[in-house]
Amino acid sequence: MKLKDFEELTNLEYSQLQAFRKLKEYTRLKNNEFSFDKGYNKYDILWNIYNQQKDIYLSKKDYVMASVVYNRMYELLRKEKEYDKALDFLICCLYLRVYDNCFYERHLVKFMKELKTLLKRNKINIEEFEIRCKFITEYIKIPIQTYLPHWYEFEKVNMFQRKINEFLDA
């Protein structure tokens, strides 16, 4: 592998692939199925790798690392201005971050600014009681049921919803 193989990646993207031990996979995909000559870009390759990596971490019940992968997927969607899907993946990221972790505060505080920004980009005004209530009681469940159906537990989702509501006030 040559540095030239990774020139389009940011330092964060490169180091994340390195942490996942997927640098060879990136170059393999870039030179084969997801070749730039075929119209693909680095985001397509990263998405493919992240999609596989999240499944690996979930199967190992490593929820923190699965959360990291969902965060990377959220960032890709945000960069591509797909804010509605980005919101779904950020919710999954946060849910996994606190899934088996009693330290909600430390993990959620870090992401609240991003969540509030994303809510605004999706025209979800949490200042209006009815809209906020619908977001907390209904919307949050949808991405968890869609992308994490095996990890949807009523009590955990309920506690997660309450905590998100509290942190939106901060």
C-alpha atoms as a PDB file:
ATOM      1  CA  MET A   1       0.000   0.000   0.000  1.00  0.00           C
ATOM      2  CA  LYS A   2       1.168   3.474  -0.883  1.00  0.00           C
ATOM      3  CA  LEU A   3       0.201   6.813   0.631  1.00  0.00           C
ATOM      4  CA  LYS A   4      -1.126   7.726  -2.808  1.00  0.00           C
ATOM      5  CA  ASP A   5      -3.880   5.112  -2.260  1.00  0.00           C
ATOM      6  CA  PHE A   6      -5.287   7.269   0.548  1.00  0.00           C
ATOM      7  CA  GLU A   7      -4.704  10.834  -0.662  1.00  0.00           C
ATOM      8  CA  GLU A   8      -8.442  11.607  -0.826  1.00  0.00           C
ATOM      9  CA  LEU A   9      -9.022  10.658   2.822  1.00  0.00           C
ATOM     10  CA  THR A  10      -8.931  13.084   5.704  1.00  0.00           C
ATOM     11  CA  ASN A  11      -6.632  12.303   8.615  1.00  0.00           C
ATOM     12  CA  LEU A  12      -9.654  11.222  10.668  1.00  0.00           C
ATOM     13  CA  GLU A  13     -10.937   8.904   7.946  1.00  0.00           C
ATOM     14  CA  TYR A  14      -7.501   7.365   7.493  1.00  0.00           C
ATOM     15  CA  SER A  15      -6.947   6.854  11.227  1.00  0.00           C
ATOM     16  CA  GLN A  16     -10.428   5.354  11.591  1.00  0.00           C
ATOM     17  CA  LEU A  17      -9.740   2.843   8.843  1.00  0.00           C
ATOM     18  CA  GLN A  18      -6.432   2.103  10.510  1.00  0.00           C
ATOM     19  CA  ALA A  19      -8.197   1.515  13.854  1.00  0.00           C
ATOM     20  CA  PHE A  20     -10.675  -0.826  12.163  1.00  0.00           C
ATOM     21  CA  ARG A  21      -7.770  -2.544  10.367  1.00  0.00           C
ATOM     22  CA  LYS A  22      -9.469  -1.846   7.025  1.00  0.00           C
ATOM     23  CA  LEU A  23      -6.801   0.018   5.051  1.00  0.00           C
ATOM     24  CA  LYS A  24      -6.228  -2.940   2.724  1.00  0.00           C
ATOM     25  CA  GLU A  25      -9.982  -3.355   2.290  1.00  0.00           C
ATOM     26  CA  TYR A  26     -10.275   0.328   1.352  1.00  0.00           C
ATOM     27  CA  THR A  27      -7.625   0.019  -1.379  1.00  0.00           C
ATOM     28  CA  ARG A  28      -9.104  -3.282  -2.580  1.00  0.00           C
ATOM     29  CA  LEU A  29     -12.570  -1.750  -2.940  1.00  0.00           C
ATOM     30  CA  LYS A  30     -11.171   1.430  -4.469  1.00  0.00           C
ATOM     31  CA  ASN A  31      -9.344  -0.579  -7.124  1.00  0.00           C
ATOM     32  CA  ASN A  32     -12.183  -3.023  -7.823  1.00  0.00           C
ATOM     33  CA  GLU A  33     -15.931  -2.879  -7.050  1.00  0.00           C
ATOM     34  CA  PHE A  34     -15.983   0.775  -5.965  1.00  0.00           C
ATOM     35  CA  SER A  35     -13.491   2.171  -8.453  1.00  0.00           C
ATOM     36  CA  PHE A  36     -13.595   5.917  -8.926  1.00  0.00           C
ATOM     37  CA  ASP A  37     -13.585   5.186 -12.665  1.00  0.00           C
ATOM     38  CA  LYS A  38     -17.001   3.539 -12.198  1.00  0.00           C
ATOM     39  CA  GLY A  39     -18.391   6.711 -10.635  1.00  0.00           C
ATOM     40  CA  TYR A  40     -17.942   5.824  -6.982  1.00  0.00           C
ATOM     41  CA  ASN A  41     -16.269   8.091  -4.449  1.00  0.00           C
ATOM     42  CA  LYS A  42     -14.542   7.703  -1.118  1.00  0.00           C
ATOM     43  CA  TYR A  43     -17.848   8.040   0.740  1.00  0.00           C
ATOM     44  CA  ASP A  44     -19.251   4.995  -1.067  1.00  0.00           C
ATOM     45  CA  ILE A  45     -16.225   2.958  -0.049  1.00  0.00           C
ATOM     46  CA  LEU A  46     -16.269   4.209   3.539  1.00  0.00           C
ATOM     47  CA  TRP A  47     -20.011   3.520   3.805  1.00  0.00           C
ATOM     48  CA  ASN A  48     -19.498  -0.058   2.647  1.00  0.00           C
ATOM     49  CA  ILE A  49     -16.713  -0.615   5.172  1.00  0.00           C
ATOM     50  CA  TYR A  50     -18.604   1.054   8.021  1.00  0.00           C
ATOM     51  CA  ASN A  51     -21.749  -0.919   7.225  1.00  0.00           C
ATOM     52  CA  GLN A  52     -19.844  -4.184   7.583  1.00  0.00           C
ATOM     53  CA  GLN A  53     -17.930  -2.982  10.624  1.00  0.00           C
ATOM     54  CA  LYS A  54     -21.060  -2.024  12.580  1.00  0.00           C
ATOM     55  CA  ASP A  55     -22.401  -5.556  12.093  1.00  0.00           C
ATOM     56  CA  ILE A  56     -19.146  -7.014  13.394  1.00  0.00           C
ATOM     57  CA  TYR A  57     -19.230  -4.877  16.527  1.00  0.00           C
ATOM     58  CA  LEU A  58     -22.921  -5.511  17.155  1.00  0.00           C
ATOM     59  CA  SER A  59     -22.412  -9.262  16.874  1.00  0.00           C
ATOM     60  CA  LYS A  60     -19.624  -8.974  19.463  1.00  0.00           C
ATOM     61  CA  LYS A  61     -21.893  -6.816  21.670  1.00  0.00           C
ATOM     62  CA  ASP A  62     -19.310  -4.050  21.573  1.00  0.00           C
ATOM     63  CA  TYR A  63     -21.846  -1.247  21.709  1.00  0.00           C
ATOM     64  CA  VAL A  64     -19.335   1.543  22.205  1.00  0.00           C
ATOM     65  CA  MET A  65     -17.451   0.647  19.027  1.00  0.00           C
ATOM     66  CA  ALA A  66     -20.727   0.087  17.153  1.00  0.00           C
ATOM     67  CA  SER A  67     -21.679   3.574  18.293  1.00  0.00           C
ATOM     68  CA  VAL A  68     -18.409   4.929  16.889  1.00  0.00           C
ATOM     69  CA  VAL A  69     -19.232   3.353  13.523  1.00  0.00           C
ATOM     70  CA  TYR A  70     -22.758   4.804  13.545  1.00  0.00           C
ATOM     71  CA  ASN A  71     -21.192   8.170  14.342  1.00  0.00           C
ATOM     72  CA  ARG A  72     -18.931   7.863  11.297  1.00  0.00           C
ATOM     73  CA  MET A  73     -21.949   6.936   9.166  1.00  0.00           C
ATOM     74  CA  TYR A  74     -23.809   9.952  10.553  1.00  0.00           C
ATOM     75  CA  GLU A  75     -20.858  12.174   9.610  1.00  0.00           C
ATOM     76  CA  LEU A  76     -20.838  10.842   6.038  1.00  0.00           C
ATOM     77  CA  LEU A  77     -24.554  11.523   5.660  1.00  0.00           C
ATOM     78  CA  ARG A  78     -24.143  15.010   7.102  1.00  0.00           C
ATOM     79  CA  LYS A  79     -21.320  15.771   4.647  1.00  0.00           C
ATOM     80  CA  GLU A  80     -23.574  14.645   1.810  1.00  0.00           C
ATOM     81  CA  LYS A  81     -26.347  16.900   3.204  1.00  0.00           C
ATOM     82  CA  GLU A  82     -28.717  13.972   3.781  1.00  0.00           C
ATOM     83  CA  TYR A  83     -29.892  15.440   7.060  1.00  0.00           C
ATOM     84  CA  ASP A  84     -32.970  13.257   7.569  1.00  0.00           C
ATOM     85  CA  LYS A  85     -30.943  10.036   7.395  1.00  0.00           C
ATOM     86  CA  ALA A  86     -28.110  11.670   9.347  1.00  0.00           C
ATOM     87  CA  LEU A  87     -30.554  12.277  12.193  1.00  0.00           C
ATOM     88  CA  ASP A  88     -31.522   8.589  12.191  1.00  0.00           C
ATOM     89  CA  PHE A  89     -27.906   7.486  12.405  1.00  0.00           C
ATOM     90  CA  LEU A  90     -27.067  10.019  15.113  1.00  0.00           C
ATOM     91  CA  ILE A  91     -29.963   8.663  17.196  1.00  0.00           C
ATOM     92  CA  CYS A  92     -28.636   5.125  16.697  1.00  0.00           C
ATOM     93  CA  CYS A  93     -25.157   6.304  17.646  1.00  0.00           C
ATOM     94  CA  LEU A  94     -26.449   7.859  20.866  1.00  0.00           C
ATOM     95  CA  TYR A  95     -28.656   4.906  21.723  1.00  0.00           C
ATOM     96  CA  LEU A  96     -25.762   2.466  21.368  1.00  0.00           C
ATOM     97  CA  ARG A  97     -23.446   4.783  23.259  1.00  0.00           C
ATOM     98  CA  VAL A  98     -25.685   4.491  26.303  1.00  0.00           C
ATOM     99  CA  TYR A  99     -27.198   1.032  25.641  1.00  0.00           C
ATOM    100  CA  ASP A 100     -25.276  -0.782  28.364  1.00  0.00           C
ATOM    101  CA  ASN A 101     -23.756   2.246  30.010  1.00  0.00           C
ATOM    102  CA  CYS A 102     -25.022   3.991  33.112  1.00  0.00           C
ATOM    103  CA  PHE A 103     -22.956   7.115  32.401  1.00  0.00           C
ATOM    104  CA  TYR A 104     -25.525   8.742  30.116  1.00  0.00           C
ATOM    105  CA  GLU A 105     -24.520  12.274  30.947  1.00  0.00           C
ATOM    106  CA  ARG A 106     -20.935  12.096  29.767  1.00  0.00           C
ATOM    107  CA  HIS A 107     -21.862  10.512  26.467  1.00  0.00           C
ATOM    108  CA  LEU A 108     -24.968  12.510  25.642  1.00  0.00           C
ATOM    109  CA  VAL A 109     -23.678  15.973  26.520  1.00  0.00           C
ATOM    110  CA  LYS A 110     -20.978  15.611  23.880  1.00  0.00           C
ATOM    111  CA  PHE A 111     -23.552  15.177  21.087  1.00  0.00           C
ATOM    112  CA  MET A 112     -26.351  17.570  22.095  1.00  0.00           C
ATOM    113  CA  LYS A 113     -25.093  20.492  20.020  1.00  0.00           C
ATOM    114  CA  GLU A 114     -24.950  18.260  16.935  1.00  0.00           C
ATOM    115  CA  LEU A 115     -28.411  16.865  17.662  1.00  0.00           C
ATOM    116  CA  LYS A 116     -29.916  20.345  18.049  1.00  0.00           C
ATOM    117  CA  THR A 117     -28.259  21.504  14.812  1.00  0.00           C
ATOM    118  CA  LEU A 118     -29.545  18.467  12.956  1.00  0.00           C
ATOM    119  CA  LEU A 119     -33.051  18.972  14.322  1.00  0.00           C
ATOM    120  CA  LYS A 120     -33.020  22.528  12.952  1.00  0.00           C
ATOM    121  CA  ARG A 121     -31.785  21.330   9.547  1.00  0.00           C
ATOM    122  CA  ASN A 122     -34.690  18.872   9.510  1.00  0.00           C
ATOM    123  CA  LYS A 123     -37.096  21.666  10.500  1.00  0.00           C
ATOM    124  CA  ILE A 124     -37.962  20.026  13.823  1.00  0.00           C
ATOM    125  CA  ASN A 125     -38.596  22.925  16.178  1.00  0.00           C
ATOM    126  CA  ILE A 126     -38.164  21.486  19.666  1.00  0.00           C
ATOM    127  CA  GLU A 127     -39.311  24.799  21.145  1.00  0.00           C
ATOM    128  CA  GLU A 128     -42.886  23.922  20.145  1.00  0.00           C
ATOM    129  CA  PHE A 129     -44.342  21.532  22.711  1.00  0.00           C
ATOM    130  CA  GLU A 130     -46.288  19.331  20.280  1.00  0.00           C
ATOM    131  CA  ILE A 131     -43.380  18.946  17.857  1.00  0.00           C
ATOM    132  CA  ARG A 132     -40.946  18.187  20.655  1.00  0.00           C
ATOM    133  CA  CYS A 133     -43.345  15.699  22.212  1.00  0.00           C
ATOM    134  CA  LYS A 134     -43.804  13.921  18.877  1.00  0.00           C
ATOM    135  CA  PHE A 135     -40.027  13.828  18.324  1.00  0.00           C
ATOM    136  CA  ILE A 136     -39.363  12.365  21.784  1.00  0.00           C
ATOM    137  CA  THR A 137     -42.272   9.921  21.963  1.00  0.00           C
ATOM    138  CA  GLU A 138     -42.495   8.784  18.340  1.00  0.00           C
ATOM    139  CA  TYR A 139     -39.594   9.780  16.122  1.00  0.00           C
ATOM    140  CA  ILE A 140     -36.751   8.472  18.306  1.00  0.00           C
ATOM    141  CA  LYS A 141     -38.217   4.956  18.205  1.00  0.00           C
ATOM    142  CA  ILE A 142     -38.254   4.736  14.404  1.00  0.00           C
ATOM    143  CA  PRO A 143     -34.482   4.663  13.675  1.00  0.00           C
ATOM    144  CA  ILE A 144     -33.881   2.283  16.573  1.00  0.00           C
ATOM    145  CA  GLN A 145     -36.600  -0.085  15.328  1.00  0.00           C
ATOM    146  CA  THR A 146     -35.349   0.253  11.743  1.00  0.00           C
ATOM    147  CA  TYR A 147     -31.590  -0.012  12.161  1.00  0.00           C
ATOM    148  CA  LEU A 148     -31.277  -1.773  15.526  1.00  0.00           C
ATOM    149  CA  PRO A 149     -34.337  -4.034  15.773  1.00  0.00           C
ATOM    150  CA  HIS A 150     -32.551  -6.676  17.866  1.00  0.00           C
ATOM    151  CA  TRP A 151     -31.488  -4.020  20.389  1.00  0.00           C
ATOM    152  CA  TYR A 152     -34.861  -2.369  20.729  1.00  0.00           C
ATOM    153  CA  GLU A 153     -35.869  -2.855  24.340  1.00  0.00           C
ATOM    154  CA  PHE A 154     -38.877  -0.922  25.545  1.00  0.00           C
ATOM    155  CA  GLU A 155     -37.388   0.044  28.921  1.00  0.00           C
ATOM    156  CA  LYS A 156     -34.060   1.103  27.436  1.00  0.00           C
ATOM    157  CA  VAL A 157     -35.735   3.114  24.693  1.00  0.00           C
ATOM    158  CA  ASN A 158     -38.036   4.730  27.242  1.00  0.00           C
ATOM    159  CA  MET A 159     -35.102   5.745  29.448  1.00  0.00           C
ATOM    160  CA  PHE A 160     -33.192   6.953  26.378  1.00  0.00           C
ATOM    161  CA  GLN A 161     -36.151   9.113  25.324  1.00  0.00           C
ATOM    162  CA  ARG A 162     -36.373  10.667  28.796  1.00  0.00           C
ATOM    163  CA  LYS A 163     -32.657  11.429  28.847  1.00  0.00           C
ATOM    164  CA  ILE A 164     -32.705  12.980  25.365  1.00  0.00           C
ATOM    165  CA  ASN A 165     -35.613  15.157  26.462  1.00  0.00           C
ATOM    166  CA  GLU A 166     -33.685  16.298  29.539  1.00  0.00           C
ATOM    167  CA  PHE A 167     -30.565  17.055  27.547  1.00  0.00           C
ATOM    168  CA  LEU A 168     -32.446  19.042  24.917  1.00  0.00           C
ATOM    169  CA  ASP A 169     -33.203  21.543  27.679  1.00  0.00           C
ATOM    170  CA  ALA A 170     -29.519  22.009  28.488  1.00  0.00           C
END
